[in-house]
All heavy atoms as atom14 arrays in JSON, in Angstrom:
{
  "sequence": "ISKHITSNTVYLQMNSLKSEDTAVYYCAARPNIPTTSASDFGSWGKG",
  "atom14_mask": [
    [1, 1, 1, 1, 1, 1, 1, 1, 0, 0, 0, 0, 0, 0],
    [1, 1, 1, 1, 1, 1, 0, 0, 0, 0, 0, 0, 0, 0],
    [1, 1, 1, 1, 1, 1, 1, 1, 1, 0, 0, 0, 0, 0],
    [1, 1, 1, 1, 1, 1, 1, 1, 1, 1, 0, 0, 0, 0],
    [1, 1, 1, 1, 1, 1, 1, 1, 0, 0, 0, 0, 0, 0],
    [1, 1, 1, 1, 1, 1, 1, 0, 0, 0, 0, 0, 0, 0],
    [1, 1, 1, 1, 1, 1, 0, 0, 0, 0, 0, 0, 0, 0],
    [1, 1, 1, 1, 1, 1, 1, 1, 0, 0, 0, 0, 0, 0],
    [1, 1, 1, 1, 1, 1, 1, 0, 0, 0, 0, 0, 0, 0],
    [1, 1, 1, 1, 1, 1, 1, 0, 0, 0, 0, 0, 0, 0],
    [1, 1, 1, 1, 1, 1, 1, 1, 1, 1, 1, 1, 0, 0],
    [1, 1, 1, 1, 1, 1, 1, 1, 0, 0, 0, 0, 0, 0],
    [1, 1, 1, 1, 1, 1, 1, 1, 1, 0, 0, 0, 0, 0],
    [1, 1, 1, 1, 1, 1, 1, 1, 0, 0, 0, 0, 0, 0],
    [1, 1, 1, 1, 1, 1, 1, 1, 0, 0, 0, 0, 0, 0],
    [1, 1, 1, 1, 1, 1, 0, 0, 0, 0, 0, 0, 0, 0],
    [1, 1, 1, 1, 1, 1, 1, 1, 0, 0, 0, 0, 0, 0],
    [1, 1, 1, 1, 1, 1, 1, 1, 1, 0, 0, 0, 0, 0],
    [1, 1, 1, 1, 1, 1, 0, 0, 0, 0, 0, 0, 0, 0],
    [1, 1, 1, 1, 1, 1, 1, 1, 1, 0, 0, 0, 0, 0],
    [1, 1, 1, 1, 1, 1, 1, 1, 0, 0, 0, 0, 0, 0],
    [1, 1, 1, 1, 1, 1, 1, 0, 0, 0, 0, 0, 0, 0],
    [1, 1, 1, 1, 1, 0, 0, 0, 0, 0, 0, 0, 0, 0],
    [1, 1, 1, 1, 1, 1, 1, 0, 0, 0, 0, 0, 0, 0],
    [1, 1, 1, 1, 1, 1, 1, 1, 1, 1, 1, 1, 0, 0],
    [1, 1, 1, 1, 1, 1, 1, 1, 1, 1, 1, 1, 0, 0],
    [1, 1, 1, 1, 1, 1, 0, 0, 0, 0, 0, 0, 0, 0],
    [1, 1, 1, 1, 1, 0, 0, 0, 0, 0, 0, 0, 0, 0],
    [1, 1, 1, 1, 1, 0, 0, 0, 0, 0, 0, 0, 0, 0],
    [1, 1, 1, 1, 1, 1, 1, 1, 1, 1, 1, 0, 0, 0],
    [1, 1, 1, 1, 1, 1, 1, 0, 0, 0, 0, 0, 0, 0],
    [1, 1, 1, 1, 1, 1, 1, 1, 0, 0, 0, 0, 0, 0],
    [1, 1, 1, 1, 1, 1, 1, 1, 0, 0, 0, 0, 0, 0],
    [1, 1, 1, 1, 1, 1, 1, 0, 0, 0, 0, 0, 0, 0],
    [1, 1, 1, 1, 1, 1, 1, 0, 0, 0, 0, 0, 0, 0],
    [1, 1, 1, 1, 1, 1, 1, 0, 0, 0, 0, 0, 0, 0],
    [1, 1, 1, 1, 1, 1, 0, 0, 0, 0, 0, 0, 0, 0],
    [1, 1, 1, 1, 1, 0, 0, 0, 0, 0, 0, 0, 0, 0],
    [1, 1, 1, 1, 1, 1, 0, 0, 0, 0, 0, 0, 0, 0],
    [1, 1, 1, 1, 1, 1, 1, 1, 0, 0, 0, 0, 0, 0],
    [1, 1, 1, 1, 1, 1, 1, 1, 1, 1, 1, 0, 0, 0],
    [1, 1, 1, 1, 0, 0, 0, 0, 0, 0, 0, 0, 0, 0],
    [1, 1, 1, 1, 1, 1, 0, 0, 0, 0, 0, 0, 0, 0],
    [1, 1, 1, 1, 1, 1, 1, 1, 1, 1, 1, 1, 1, 1],
    [1, 1, 1, 1, 0, 0, 0, 0, 0, 0, 0, 0, 0, 0],
    [1, 1, 1, 1, 1, 1, 1, 1, 1, 0, 0, 0, 0, 0],
    [1, 1, 1, 1, 0, 0, 0, 0, 0, 0, 0, 0, 0, 0]
  ],
  "atom14_positions": [
    [[48.93, 17.04, -15.56], [50.38, 17.17, -15.62], [50.69, 17.55, -16.98], [50.16, 17.04, -18.04], [51.12, 15.91, -15.12], [52.53, 16.13, -14.99], [50.67, 14.72, -16.04], [53.26, 14.98, -14.36], [0.0, 0.0, 0.0], [0.0, 0.0, 0.0], [0.0, 0.0, 0.0], [0.0, 0.0, 0.0], [0.0, 0.0, 0.0], [0.0, 0.0, 0.0]],
    [[51.74, 18.49, -17.13], [52.12, 18.88, -18.52], [53.61, 19.3, -18.49], [54.15, 19.37, -17.31], [51.3, 20.08, -18.96], [51.34, 21.1, -18.3], [0.0, 0.0, 0.0], [0.0, 0.0, 0.0], [0.0, 0.0, 0.0], [0.0, 0.0, 0.0], [0.0, 0.0, 0.0], [0.0, 0.0, 0.0], [0.0, 0.0, 0.0], [0.0, 0.0, 0.0]],
    [[54.2, 19.41, -19.54], [55.54, 19.98, -19.67], [55.62, 21.15, -20.55], [54.79, 21.39, -21.46], [56.46, 18.85, -20.2], [56.17, 18.49, -21.67], [57.17, 17.44, -22.05], [58.58, 17.91, -22.27], [58.73, 18.92, -23.47], [0.0, 0.0, 0.0], [0.0, 0.0, 0.0], [0.0, 0.0, 0.0], [0.0, 0.0, 0.0], [0.0, 0.0, 0.0]],
    [[56.54, 22.0, -20.17], [56.89, 23.23, -20.89], [57.42, 22.85, -22.3], [58.19, 21.92, -22.36], [57.73, 24.2, -20.26], [57.75, 25.62, -20.83], [58.55, 25.98, -21.89], [57.08, 26.77, -20.41], [58.24, 27.2, -22.09], [57.42, 27.64, -21.27], [0.0, 0.0, 0.0], [0.0, 0.0, 0.0], [0.0, 0.0, 0.0], [0.0, 0.0, 0.0]],
    [[57.08, 23.6, -23.32], [57.41, 23.16, -24.64], [58.87, 23.41, -24.79], [59.63, 22.7, -25.77], [56.62, 23.97, -25.75], [56.99, 23.48, -27.12], [56.99, 25.54, -25.67], [55.94, 24.09, -28.2], [0.0, 0.0, 0.0], [0.0, 0.0, 0.0], [0.0, 0.0, 0.0], [0.0, 0.0, 0.0], [0.0, 0.0, 0.0], [0.0, 0.0, 0.0]],
    [[59.65, 24.32, -24.15], [60.99, 24.54, -24.42], [61.93, 24.41, -23.19], [63.14, 24.08, -23.26], [61.17, 26.06, -24.96], [60.72, 27.03, -24.0], [60.56, 26.18, -26.36], [0.0, 0.0, 0.0], [0.0, 0.0, 0.0], [0.0, 0.0, 0.0], [0.0, 0.0, 0.0], [0.0, 0.0, 0.0], [0.0, 0.0, 0.0], [0.0, 0.0, 0.0]],
    [[61.47, 24.65, -22.04], [62.23, 24.6, -20.78], [62.03, 23.3, -20.13], [61.17, 22.5, -20.37], [61.84, 25.69, -19.82], [60.57, 25.63, -19.24], [0.0, 0.0, 0.0], [0.0, 0.0, 0.0], [0.0, 0.0, 0.0], [0.0, 0.0, 0.0], [0.0, 0.0, 0.0], [0.0, 0.0, 0.0], [0.0, 0.0, 0.0], [0.0, 0.0, 0.0]],
    [[62.96, 22.94, -19.22], [63.01, 21.69, -18.43], [62.12, 21.78, -17.29], [62.57, 21.77, -16.02], [64.38, 21.31, -18.13], [65.21, 20.94, -19.28], [64.67, 20.75, -20.41], [66.49, 20.87, -19.19], [0.0, 0.0, 0.0], [0.0, 0.0, 0.0], [0.0, 0.0, 0.0], [0.0, 0.0, 0.0], [0.0, 0.0, 0.0], [0.0, 0.0, 0.0]],
    [[60.81, 22.13, -17.45], [59.91, 22.26, -16.42], [58.62, 21.46, -16.6], [58.19, 21.45, -17.74], [59.46, 23.78, -16.31], [60.71, 24.57, -16.21], [58.59, 24.03, -15.23], [0.0, 0.0, 0.0], [0.0, 0.0, 0.0], [0.0, 0.0, 0.0], [0.0, 0.0, 0.0], [0.0, 0.0, 0.0], [0.0, 0.0, 0.0], [0.0, 0.0, 0.0]],
    [[58.19, 20.79, -15.53], [56.93, 20.01, -15.46], [55.93, 20.69, -14.55], [56.27, 21.28, -13.55], [57.06, 18.57, -15.12], [55.75, 17.9, -14.9], [57.92, 17.83, -16.17], [0.0, 0.0, 0.0], [0.0, 0.0, 0.0], [0.0, 0.0, 0.0], [0.0, 0.0, 0.0], [0.0, 0.0, 0.0], [0.0, 0.0, 0.0], [0.0, 0.0, 0.0]],
    [[54.65, 20.76, -14.95], [53.66, 21.39, -14.16], [52.55, 20.36, -13.68], [52.36, 19.37, -14.25], [53.06, 22.53, -14.94], [53.87, 23.55, -15.5], [54.26, 23.43, -16.88], [54.28, 24.54, -14.8], [55.1, 24.34, -17.46], [55.25, 25.51, -15.31], [55.59, 25.39, -16.69], [56.38, 26.3, -17.24], [0.0, 0.0, 0.0], [0.0, 0.0, 0.0]],
    [[51.95, 20.77, -12.54], [50.75, 20.16, -12.09], [49.77, 21.08, -11.71], [49.76, 21.8, -10.81], [51.17, 19.29, -10.79], [49.87, 18.3, -10.28], [49.64, 17.27, -11.23], [50.17, 17.81, -8.92], [0.0, 0.0, 0.0], [0.0, 0.0, 0.0], [0.0, 0.0, 0.0], [0.0, 0.0, 0.0], [0.0, 0.0, 0.0], [0.0, 0.0, 0.0]],
    [[48.73, 21.23, -12.66], [47.58, 22.03, -12.45], [46.56, 21.23, -11.66], [46.09, 20.25, -12.08], [47.01, 22.37, -13.87], [45.84, 23.34, -13.75], [45.34, 23.79, -15.16], [46.07, 24.0, -16.08], [44.05, 23.77, -15.18], [0.0, 0.0, 0.0], [0.0, 0.0, 0.0], [0.0, 0.0, 0.0], [0.0, 0.0, 0.0], [0.0, 0.0, 0.0]],
    [[46.15, 21.92, -10.64], [45.32, 21.26, -9.56], [44.06, 22.11, -9.49], [43.96, 23.25, -9.14], [45.91, 21.19, -8.19], [47.38, 20.57, -8.34], [48.44, 20.87, -6.79], [47.56, 19.94, -5.65], [0.0, 0.0, 0.0], [0.0, 0.0, 0.0], [0.0, 0.0, 0.0], [0.0, 0.0, 0.0], [0.0, 0.0, 0.0], [0.0, 0.0, 0.0]],
    [[42.92, 21.55, -9.88], [41.7, 22.15, -9.83], [40.68, 21.42, -8.85], [40.87, 20.27, -8.56], [40.96, 22.19, -11.25], [41.84, 22.96, -12.19], [42.38, 23.99, -11.9], [41.79, 22.59, -13.41], [0.0, 0.0, 0.0], [0.0, 0.0, 0.0], [0.0, 0.0, 0.0], [0.0, 0.0, 0.0], [0.0, 0.0, 0.0], [0.0, 0.0, 0.0]],
    [[39.61, 21.96, -8.46], [38.65, 21.52, -7.52], [39.29, 20.89, -6.35], [39.0, 19.72, -5.96], [37.82, 20.65, -8.4], [37.14, 21.1, -9.38], [0.0, 0.0, 0.0], [0.0, 0.0, 0.0], [0.0, 0.0, 0.0], [0.0, 0.0, 0.0], [0.0, 0.0, 0.0], [0.0, 0.0, 0.0], [0.0, 0.0, 0.0], [0.0, 0.0, 0.0]],
    [[40.11, 21.53, -5.66], [40.94, 21.06, -4.56], [40.08, 20.64, -3.38], [39.16, 21.47, -3.08], [42.05, 22.0, -4.3], [43.25, 22.09, -5.06], [43.99, 23.3, -4.85], [44.06, 20.82, -4.92], [0.0, 0.0, 0.0], [0.0, 0.0, 0.0], [0.0, 0.0, 0.0], [0.0, 0.0, 0.0], [0.0, 0.0, 0.0], [0.0, 0.0, 0.0]],
    [[40.48, 19.52, -2.73], [39.74, 18.97, -1.53], [40.7, 18.97, -0.38], [41.87, 19.03, -0.48], [39.19, 17.67, -1.85], [38.39, 17.44, -3.01], [38.11, 15.89, -3.34], [37.31, 15.69, -4.68], [37.14, 14.23, -4.9], [0.0, 0.0, 0.0], [0.0, 0.0, 0.0], [0.0, 0.0, 0.0], [0.0, 0.0, 0.0], [0.0, 0.0, 0.0]],
    [[40.1, 18.99, 0.79], [40.93, 18.93, 2.02], [41.93, 17.7, 1.92], [43.04, 17.9, 2.52], [40.05, 18.91, 3.23], [39.25, 17.77, 3.26], [0.0, 0.0, 0.0], [0.0, 0.0, 0.0], [0.0, 0.0, 0.0], [0.0, 0.0, 0.0], [0.0, 0.0, 0.0], [0.0, 0.0, 0.0], [0.0, 0.0, 0.0], [0.0, 0.0, 0.0]],
    [[41.44, 16.65, 1.43], [42.38, 15.35, 1.37], [43.52, 15.5, 0.32], [44.3, 14.74, 0.32], [41.51, 14.14, 0.96], [40.67, 14.26, -0.22], [39.19, 14.67, 0.06], [38.98, 15.64, 0.91], [38.32, 14.01, -0.53], [0.0, 0.0, 0.0], [0.0, 0.0, 0.0], [0.0, 0.0, 0.0], [0.0, 0.0, 0.0], [0.0, 0.0, 0.0]],
    [[43.51, 16.63, -0.34], [44.75, 16.85, -1.22], [45.87, 17.63, -0.43], [46.83, 17.74, -1.01], [44.26, 17.74, -2.37], [43.31, 17.23, -3.35], [43.47, 16.03, -3.65], [42.37, 17.88, -3.74], [0.0, 0.0, 0.0], [0.0, 0.0, 0.0], [0.0, 0.0, 0.0], [0.0, 0.0, 0.0], [0.0, 0.0, 0.0], [0.0, 0.0, 0.0]],
    [[45.58, 17.94, 0.75], [46.62, 18.51, 1.65], [47.79, 17.54, 1.8], [47.5, 16.4, 2.24], [46.03, 18.88, 3.01], [45.07, 19.98, 2.71], [47.12, 19.38, 3.86], [0.0, 0.0, 0.0], [0.0, 0.0, 0.0], [0.0, 0.0, 0.0], [0.0, 0.0, 0.0], [0.0, 0.0, 0.0], [0.0, 0.0, 0.0], [0.0, 0.0, 0.0]],
    [[49.03, 17.96, 1.43], [50.21, 17.09, 1.49], [51.3, 17.97, 1.15], [51.25, 19.04, 0.6], [50.08, 15.87, 0.61], [0.0, 0.0, 0.0], [0.0, 0.0, 0.0], [0.0, 0.0, 0.0], [0.0, 0.0, 0.0], [0.0, 0.0, 0.0], [0.0, 0.0, 0.0], [0.0, 0.0, 0.0], [0.0, 0.0, 0.0], [0.0, 0.0, 0.0]],
    [[52.62, 17.38, 1.41], [53.76, 17.84, 0.77], [53.74, 17.17, -0.72], [53.8, 15.94, -0.73], [55.02, 17.48, 1.59], [56.22, 17.9, 0.76], [54.95, 18.25, 2.85], [0.0, 0.0, 0.0], [0.0, 0.0, 0.0], [0.0, 0.0, 0.0], [0.0, 0.0, 0.0], [0.0, 0.0, 0.0], [0.0, 0.0, 0.0], [0.0, 0.0, 0.0]],
    [[53.9, 17.93, -1.74], [54.02, 17.44, -3.07], [55.41, 17.35, -3.48], [56.22, 18.38, -3.43], [53.22, 18.41, -4.05], [51.7, 17.99, -3.84], [51.03, 18.37, -2.79], [51.03, 17.29, -4.93], [49.69, 18.1, -2.61], [49.69, 17.05, -4.71], [49.02, 17.53, -3.62], [47.63, 17.14, -3.52], [0.0, 0.0, 0.0], [0.0, 0.0, 0.0]],
    [[55.77, 16.24, -4.04], [57.15, 15.97, -4.44], [57.29, 15.78, -5.94], [56.44, 15.03, -6.54], [57.85, 14.89, -3.83], [57.95, 14.96, -2.36], [57.03, 14.51, -1.37], [59.14, 15.51, -1.68], [57.2, 14.68, -0.06], [59.32, 15.61, -0.38], [58.3, 15.23, 0.36], [58.36, 15.42, 1.81], [0.0, 0.0, 0.0], [0.0, 0.0, 0.0]],
    [[58.27, 16.4, -6.57], [58.62, 15.98, -8.02], [59.59, 14.99, -8.09], [60.55, 14.94, -7.26], [59.13, 17.21, -8.72], [59.43, 17.06, -10.46], [0.0, 0.0, 0.0], [0.0, 0.0, 0.0], [0.0, 0.0, 0.0], [0.0, 0.0, 0.0], [0.0, 0.0, 0.0], [0.0, 0.0, 0.0], [0.0, 0.0, 0.0], [0.0, 0.0, 0.0]],
    [[59.49, 13.96, -8.9], [60.37, 12.83, -9.05], [60.75, 12.48, -10.49], [59.99, 12.87, -11.34], [59.87, 11.58, -8.36], [0.0, 0.0, 0.0], [0.0, 0.0, 0.0], [0.0, 0.0, 0.0], [0.0, 0.0, 0.0], [0.0, 0.0, 0.0], [0.0, 0.0, 0.0], [0.0, 0.0, 0.0], [0.0, 0.0, 0.0], [0.0, 0.0, 0.0]],
    [[61.9, 11.94, -10.7], [62.37, 11.59, -12.08], [62.94, 10.28, -12.09], [63.65, 9.92, -11.04], [63.21, 12.63, -12.65], [0.0, 0.0, 0.0], [0.0, 0.0, 0.0], [0.0, 0.0, 0.0], [0.0, 0.0, 0.0], [0.0, 0.0, 0.0], [0.0, 0.0, 0.0], [0.0, 0.0, 0.0], [0.0, 0.0, 0.0], [0.0, 0.0, 0.0]],
    [[62.89, 9.6, -13.19], [63.56, 8.33, -13.42], [63.81, 8.07, -14.81], [63.3, 8.84, -15.63], [62.85, 7.2, -12.74], [61.44, 7.07, -13.35], [60.78, 5.58, -13.27], [61.56, 4.67, -14.09], [61.91, 3.43, -13.75], [61.57, 3.01, -12.51], [62.57, 2.71, -14.62], [0.0, 0.0, 0.0], [0.0, 0.0, 0.0], [0.0, 0.0, 0.0]],
    [[64.68, 7.04, -15.24], [64.78, 6.77, -16.73], [63.51, 6.53, -17.35], [62.3, 6.19, -16.64], [65.78, 5.61, -16.65], [66.5, 5.65, -15.51], [65.51, 6.27, -14.48], [0.0, 0.0, 0.0], [0.0, 0.0, 0.0], [0.0, 0.0, 0.0], [0.0, 0.0, 0.0], [0.0, 0.0, 0.0], [0.0, 0.0, 0.0], [0.0, 0.0, 0.0]],
    [[63.36, 6.46, -18.63], [62.16, 6.76, -19.43], [60.95, 5.89, -19.13], [59.84, 6.32, -19.36], [62.56, 6.63, -20.89], [61.69, 7.41, -21.8], [61.26, 8.6, -21.48], [61.4, 6.88, -22.99], [0.0, 0.0, 0.0], [0.0, 0.0, 0.0], [0.0, 0.0, 0.0], [0.0, 0.0, 0.0], [0.0, 0.0, 0.0], [0.0, 0.0, 0.0]],
    [[61.19, 4.62, -18.72], [60.03, 3.79, -18.4], [59.15, 4.21, -17.31], [59.71, 4.41, -16.13], [60.58, 2.33, -18.14], [61.28, 1.73, -19.24], [59.29, 1.43, -17.87], [61.99, 0.43, -19.04], [0.0, 0.0, 0.0], [0.0, 0.0, 0.0], [0.0, 0.0, 0.0], [0.0, 0.0, 0.0], [0.0, 0.0, 0.0], [0.0, 0.0, 0.0]],
    [[57.84, 4.54, -17.55], [57.07, 5.06, -16.41], [56.61, 4.1, -15.46], [56.12, 2.92, -15.85], [55.97, 5.81, -17.31], [55.76, 4.88, -18.46], [57.32, 4.43, -18.86], [0.0, 0.0, 0.0], [0.0, 0.0, 0.0], [0.0, 0.0, 0.0], [0.0, 0.0, 0.0], [0.0, 0.0, 0.0], [0.0, 0.0, 0.0], [0.0, 0.0, 0.0]],
    [[56.58, 4.44, -14.22], [55.84, 3.57, -13.13], [55.15, 4.53, -12.29], [55.27, 5.79, -12.34], [56.92, 2.82, -12.4], [57.65, 3.64, -11.52], [57.86, 2.21, -13.39], [0.0, 0.0, 0.0], [0.0, 0.0, 0.0], [0.0, 0.0, 0.0], [0.0, 0.0, 0.0], [0.0, 0.0, 0.0], [0.0, 0.0, 0.0], [0.0, 0.0, 0.0]],
    [[54.46, 3.89, -11.24], [53.77, 4.71, -10.28], [54.26, 4.54, -8.9], [53.67, 4.86, -7.87], [52.14, 4.46, -10.39], [51.89, 2.99, -10.15], [51.6, 4.81, -11.7], [0.0, 0.0, 0.0], [0.0, 0.0, 0.0], [0.0, 0.0, 0.0], [0.0, 0.0, 0.0], [0.0, 0.0, 0.0], [0.0, 0.0, 0.0], [0.0, 0.0, 0.0]],
    [[55.4, 3.79, -8.82], [55.85, 3.32, -7.52], [57.0, 4.34, -7.04], [58.0, 4.48, -7.9], [56.42, 1.99, -7.51], [55.43, 1.06, -7.82], [0.0, 0.0, 0.0], [0.0, 0.0, 0.0], [0.0, 0.0, 0.0], [0.0, 0.0, 0.0], [0.0, 0.0, 0.0], [0.0, 0.0, 0.0], [0.0, 0.0, 0.0], [0.0, 0.0, 0.0]],
    [[56.86, 4.9, -5.89], [57.88, 5.82, -5.35], [59.25, 5.12, -5.34], [60.32, 5.88, -5.56], [57.52, 6.33, -4.06], [0.0, 0.0, 0.0], [0.0, 0.0, 0.0], [0.0, 0.0, 0.0], [0.0, 0.0, 0.0], [0.0, 0.0, 0.0], [0.0, 0.0, 0.0], [0.0, 0.0, 0.0], [0.0, 0.0, 0.0], [0.0, 0.0, 0.0]],
    [[59.31, 3.97, -4.98], [60.69, 3.23, -4.99], [61.37, 3.13, -6.29], [62.63, 2.86, -6.29], [60.51, 1.94, -4.37], [59.63, 1.0, -5.1], [0.0, 0.0, 0.0], [0.0, 0.0, 0.0], [0.0, 0.0, 0.0], [0.0, 0.0, 0.0], [0.0, 0.0, 0.0], [0.0, 0.0, 0.0], [0.0, 0.0, 0.0], [0.0, 0.0, 0.0]],
    [[60.72, 3.32, -7.41], [61.3, 3.24, -8.71], [61.95, 4.62, -9.09], [62.74, 4.59, -9.98], [60.24, 2.86, -9.79], [59.77, 1.43, -9.66], [60.49, 0.63, -9.07], [58.67, 1.22, -10.09], [0.0, 0.0, 0.0], [0.0, 0.0, 0.0], [0.0, 0.0, 0.0], [0.0, 0.0, 0.0], [0.0, 0.0, 0.0], [0.0, 0.0, 0.0]],
    [[61.62, 5.66, -8.32], [62.27, 6.96, -8.82], [63.44, 7.23, -7.93], [63.52, 7.13, -6.6], [61.15, 7.99, -8.47], [60.08, 7.96, -9.57], [59.09, 7.02, -9.49], [60.13, 8.83, -10.66], [58.08, 6.96, -10.51], [59.06, 8.77, -11.56], [58.22, 7.89, -11.57], [0.0, 0.0, 0.0], [0.0, 0.0, 0.0], [0.0, 0.0, 0.0]],
    [[64.54, 7.66, -8.58], [65.83, 7.79, -7.87], [66.09, 9.34, -7.65], [67.04, 9.5, -6.84], [0.0, 0.0, 0.0], [0.0, 0.0, 0.0], [0.0, 0.0, 0.0], [0.0, 0.0, 0.0], [0.0, 0.0, 0.0], [0.0, 0.0, 0.0], [0.0, 0.0, 0.0], [0.0, 0.0, 0.0], [0.0, 0.0, 0.0], [0.0, 0.0, 0.0]],
    [[65.44, 10.17, -8.38], [65.73, 11.65, -8.16], [64.44, 12.3, -7.54], [63.3, 12.15, -8.13], [66.1, 12.28, -9.57], [67.3, 11.76, -9.92], [0.0, 0.0, 0.0], [0.0, 0.0, 0.0], [0.0, 0.0, 0.0], [0.0, 0.0, 0.0], [0.0, 0.0, 0.0], [0.0, 0.0, 0.0], [0.0, 0.0, 0.0], [0.0, 0.0, 0.0]],
    [[64.67, 13.15, -6.55], [63.58, 13.7, -5.89], [63.83, 15.11, -5.55], [65.0, 15.55, -5.23], [63.31, 13.05, -4.56], [62.67, 11.68, -4.66], [63.42, 10.45, -4.77], [61.29, 11.25, -4.74], [62.62, 9.41, -4.99], [61.31, 9.9, -5.01], [60.16, 11.99, -4.85], [60.06, 9.13, -5.13], [58.92, 11.28, -4.91], [58.88, 9.94, -5.09]],
    [[62.79, 16.05, -5.67], [62.95, 17.39, -5.13], [62.6, 17.29, -3.68], [62.3, 16.37, -3.01], [0.0, 0.0, 0.0], [0.0, 0.0, 0.0], [0.0, 0.0, 0.0], [0.0, 0.0, 0.0], [0.0, 0.0, 0.0], [0.0, 0.0, 0.0], [0.0, 0.0, 0.0], [0.0, 0.0, 0.0], [0.0, 0.0, 0.0], [0.0, 0.0, 0.0]],
    [[62.78, 18.57, -2.99], [62.69, 18.63, -1.59], [61.19, 18.76, -1.13], [60.82, 18.57, 0.01], [63.42, 19.82, -1.02], [62.88, 21.2, -1.48], [63.8, 22.29, -0.85], [63.32, 23.61, -1.34], [64.02, 24.72, -0.78], [0.0, 0.0, 0.0], [0.0, 0.0, 0.0], [0.0, 0.0, 0.0], [0.0, 0.0, 0.0], [0.0, 0.0, 0.0]],
    [[60.28, 18.93, -2.04], [58.91, 19.01, -1.82], [58.33, 20.45, -1.67], [59.13, 21.37, -1.25], [0.0, 0.0, 0.0], [0.0, 0.0, 0.0], [0.0, 0.0, 0.0], [0.0, 0.0, 0.0], [0.0, 0.0, 0.0], [0.0, 0.0, 0.0], [0.0, 0.0, 0.0], [0.0, 0.0, 0.0], [0.0, 0.0, 0.0], [0.0, 0.0, 0.0]]
  ]
}
């Protein structure tokens, strides 16, 4: 995962993909404190 140096864009570079990686991938955002729980994120993309 990385961010663009100037634009408001975050990337997910995915290598060595496996069949179990198949899914809808969603981007999410929350205030600065990081967590790994979906319930903590209040802003979501459509996937």
